[in-house]
Protein backbone atom coordinates (compact mmCIF):
# COMPACT_ATOMS: atom_id res chain seq x y z
CA UNK A 1 54.38 61.46 145.47
CA UNK A 2 54.57 63.37 142.23
CA UNK A 3 52.96 66.41 143.82
CA UNK A 4 55.45 66.34 146.67
CA UNK A 5 58.33 66.02 144.23
CA UNK A 6 57.06 69.00 142.28
CA UNK A 7 56.79 71.03 145.45
CA UNK A 8 60.27 69.96 146.50
CA UNK A 9 61.62 70.84 143.06
CA UNK A 10 59.98 74.27 143.21
CA UNK A 11 61.44 74.85 146.66
CA UNK A 12 64.82 73.76 145.43
CA UNK A 13 64.55 76.14 142.45
CA UNK A 14 63.58 78.99 144.76
CA UNK A 15 66.50 78.21 147.03
CA UNK A 16 68.82 78.04 144.03
CA UNK A 17 67.55 81.39 142.72
CA UNK A 18 68.07 83.02 146.08
CA UNK A 19 71.53 81.58 146.41
CA UNK A 20 72.43 82.83 142.93
CA UNK A 21 71.17 86.32 143.78
CA UNK A 22 72.96 86.31 147.12
CA UNK A 23 76.20 85.05 145.55
CA UNK A 24 75.99 87.74 142.86
CA UNK A 25 75.61 90.48 145.45
CA UNK A 26 78.44 89.01 147.50
CA UNK A 27 80.69 88.90 144.42
CA UNK A 28 79.78 92.52 143.62
CA UNK A 29 80.77 93.59 147.12
CA UNK A 30 84.06 91.72 146.92
CA UNK A 31 84.74 93.08 143.46
CA UNK A 32 84.07 96.66 144.49
CA UNK A 33 86.43 96.32 147.45
CA UNK A 34 89.25 94.76 145.41
CA UNK A 35 88.52 96.73 142.24
CA UNK A 36 90.86 99.56 143.07
CA UNK A 37 93.79 97.29 143.85
CA UNK A 38 93.11 94.98 140.91
CA UNK A 39 92.75 97.84 138.45
CA UNK A 40 96.03 99.39 139.62
CA UNK A 41 97.80 96.07 139.11
CA UNK A 42 96.20 95.62 135.68
CA UNK A 43 97.23 99.11 134.60
CA UNK A 44 100.79 98.45 135.77
CA UNK A 45 100.87 95.15 133.85
CA UNK A 46 99.60 96.84 130.69
CA UNK A 47 102.25 99.56 130.97
CA UNK A 48 104.99 96.95 131.34
CA UNK A 49 103.73 95.12 128.27
CA UNK A 50 103.69 98.35 126.27
CA UNK A 51 107.21 99.19 127.39
CA UNK A 52 108.49 95.77 126.33
CA UNK A 53 106.73 96.13 122.98
CA UNK A 54 108.39 99.51 122.44
CA UNK A 55 111.83 98.13 123.22
CA UNK A 56 111.25 95.19 120.89
CA UNK A 57 110.15 97.56 118.15
CA UNK A 58 113.23 99.71 118.70
CA UNK A 59 115.44 96.63 118.49
CA UNK A 60 113.94 95.71 115.12
CA UNK A 61 114.28 99.21 113.69
CA UNK A 62 116.20 99.70 110.49
CA UNK A 63 119.93 100.02 110.89
CA UNK A 64 121.14 103.48 109.94
CA UNK A 65 123.46 103.57 106.94
CA UNK A 66 126.86 104.85 107.89
CA UNK A 67 128.75 107.21 105.62
CA UNK A 68 131.90 105.48 104.46
CA UNK A 69 134.01 108.21 102.76
CA UNK A 70 135.19 106.08 99.86
CA UNK A 71 136.53 108.12 96.97
CA UNK A 72 137.64 105.37 94.55
CA UNK A 73 135.45 102.44 93.54
CA UNK A 74 134.17 100.18 90.81
CA UNK A 75 131.07 100.44 88.63
CA UNK A 76 129.53 97.29 87.20
CA UNK A 77 127.13 97.69 84.29
CA UNK A 78 125.17 94.61 83.29
CA UNK A 79 123.28 95.28 80.06
CA UNK A 80 121.15 92.39 78.86
CA UNK A 81 118.50 92.31 76.17
CA UNK A 82 115.78 92.62 78.82
CA UNK A 83 117.19 94.83 81.56
CA UNK A 84 120.10 97.03 82.67
CA UNK A 85 121.60 96.88 86.17
CA UNK A 86 124.26 99.24 87.56
CA UNK A 87 126.14 98.44 90.75
CA UNK A 88 128.60 100.81 92.41
CA UNK A 89 131.08 99.24 94.83
CA UNK A 90 134.26 100.08 96.70
CA UNK A 91 137.68 98.67 95.76
CA UNK A 92 137.01 95.40 97.63
CA UNK A 93 133.68 94.85 95.90
CA UNK A 94 131.43 95.85 98.82
CA UNK A 95 128.29 97.35 97.28
CA UNK A 96 127.62 101.03 97.98
CA UNK A 97 124.54 101.43 95.77
CA UNK A 98 122.76 99.76 92.90
CA UNK A 99 119.83 100.39 90.58
CA UNK A 100 118.00 98.54 87.87
CA UNK A 101 115.44 99.57 85.28
CA UNK A 102 112.72 97.63 87.08
CA UNK A 103 113.40 99.43 90.35
CA UNK A 104 113.20 102.80 88.58
CA UNK A 105 109.71 102.01 87.30
CA UNK A 106 110.34 100.81 83.76
CA UNK A 107 108.38 97.79 82.57
CA UNK A 108 108.67 95.38 79.67
CA UNK A 109 110.78 96.30 76.67
CA UNK A 110 111.47 99.81 78.04
CA UNK A 111 113.82 98.36 80.66
CA UNK A 112 116.56 97.70 78.09
CA UNK A 113 116.49 101.15 76.46
CA UNK A 114 119.33 103.69 76.61
CA UNK A 115 117.07 106.20 78.38
CA UNK A 116 116.38 103.70 81.16
CA UNK A 117 120.14 103.22 81.53
CA UNK A 118 120.59 106.99 82.02
CA UNK A 119 117.90 107.12 84.70
CA UNK A 120 119.40 104.10 86.48
CA UNK A 121 122.89 105.61 86.44
CA UNK A 122 121.60 108.86 87.93
CA UNK A 123 119.84 107.02 90.77
CA UNK A 124 122.84 104.81 91.57
CA UNK A 125 125.32 107.72 91.48
CA UNK A 126 123.27 109.93 93.80
CA UNK A 127 123.09 107.12 96.36
CA UNK A 128 126.83 106.39 96.04
CA UNK A 129 127.85 110.05 96.37
CA UNK A 130 126.50 109.99 99.94
CA UNK A 131 129.43 107.65 100.68
CA UNK A 132 131.89 110.02 99.01
CA UNK A 133 132.44 108.14 95.74
CA UNK A 134 134.23 110.24 93.10
CA UNK A 135 136.27 107.97 90.82
CA UNK A 136 135.26 104.64 89.31
CA UNK A 137 136.65 102.07 86.98
CA UNK A 138 133.80 100.68 84.90
CA UNK A 139 133.25 97.01 84.09
CA UNK A 140 130.67 96.42 81.35
CA UNK A 141 129.01 93.04 80.90
CA UNK A 142 126.45 92.10 78.29
CA UNK A 143 125.32 93.16 74.84
CA UNK A 144 122.21 95.23 75.62
CA UNK A 145 121.43 98.62 74.14
CA UNK A 146 121.94 100.41 77.45
CA UNK A 147 125.62 99.65 77.90
CA UNK A 148 127.11 102.74 76.23
CA UNK A 149 124.55 105.19 77.55
CA UNK A 150 125.03 103.84 81.09
CA UNK A 151 128.77 104.59 80.94
CA UNK A 152 128.11 108.06 79.50
CA UNK A 153 125.52 108.73 82.22
CA UNK A 154 127.99 107.72 84.96
CA UNK A 155 130.37 110.37 83.60
CA UNK A 156 127.61 112.96 83.17
CA UNK A 157 126.43 112.57 86.77
CA UNK A 158 129.78 113.61 88.23
CA UNK A 159 131.87 110.43 88.50
CA UNK A 160 135.36 110.42 87.05
CA UNK A 161 135.86 107.30 84.93
CA UNK A 162 139.44 106.02 85.11
CA UNK A 163 139.04 102.91 82.96
CA UNK A 164 136.43 100.94 81.04
CA UNK A 165 136.76 97.19 80.71
CA UNK A 166 134.45 94.82 78.85
CA UNK A 167 133.97 91.63 80.86
CA UNK A 168 131.26 90.08 78.72
CA UNK A 169 131.63 86.32 78.98
CA UNK A 170 132.71 84.84 75.66
CA UNK A 171 132.63 81.08 75.11
CA UNK A 172 135.87 79.58 73.85
CA UNK A 173 134.32 76.83 71.76
CA UNK A 174 131.41 76.72 74.22
CA UNK A 175 128.47 74.37 74.07
CA UNK A 176 127.95 71.78 71.42
CA UNK A 177 125.96 73.32 68.55
CA UNK A 178 122.56 72.05 67.51
CA UNK A 179 122.44 69.38 64.86
CA UNK A 180 121.58 70.78 61.41
CA UNK A 181 117.90 70.87 60.45
CA UNK A 182 116.76 68.34 57.89
CA UNK A 183 114.28 69.88 55.54
């Protein structure tokens, strides 16, 4: 019985091997016949996918800045002990350009220097001039070392300064002071 089973198993294996070979050749024939039509469809599908990707990428592209032709605006200079920030806006307060010492590449204690304030002012003014800005009224906030040089740099870079106003917040009696130290 065991010998017969082995023979039957071998026959079955041979039959299976033949059927696998035959099925492979049949699949190859079918594939070669349909290959042209399938490949054309696949190429068309890939092109459609690429086209949709391109349109999606175009939709996400950066919005082009429009030139606004604003001649009169406001300049806000915030000069702290650690940094100086200059913001140029139109009369309604809509920002045209801005710059800070950190953006211009200064690090650490150099951000609050007068030289950094000059560089910042130059960068902000060049960006705002693209919108046609010519005259500004300056609002200075803070007690940093760059406050005066920022205002001078705004004037030196071609903006006409109509007024300068200090809007540094001052406490009127403010917070409760610390209790005195007992030594």
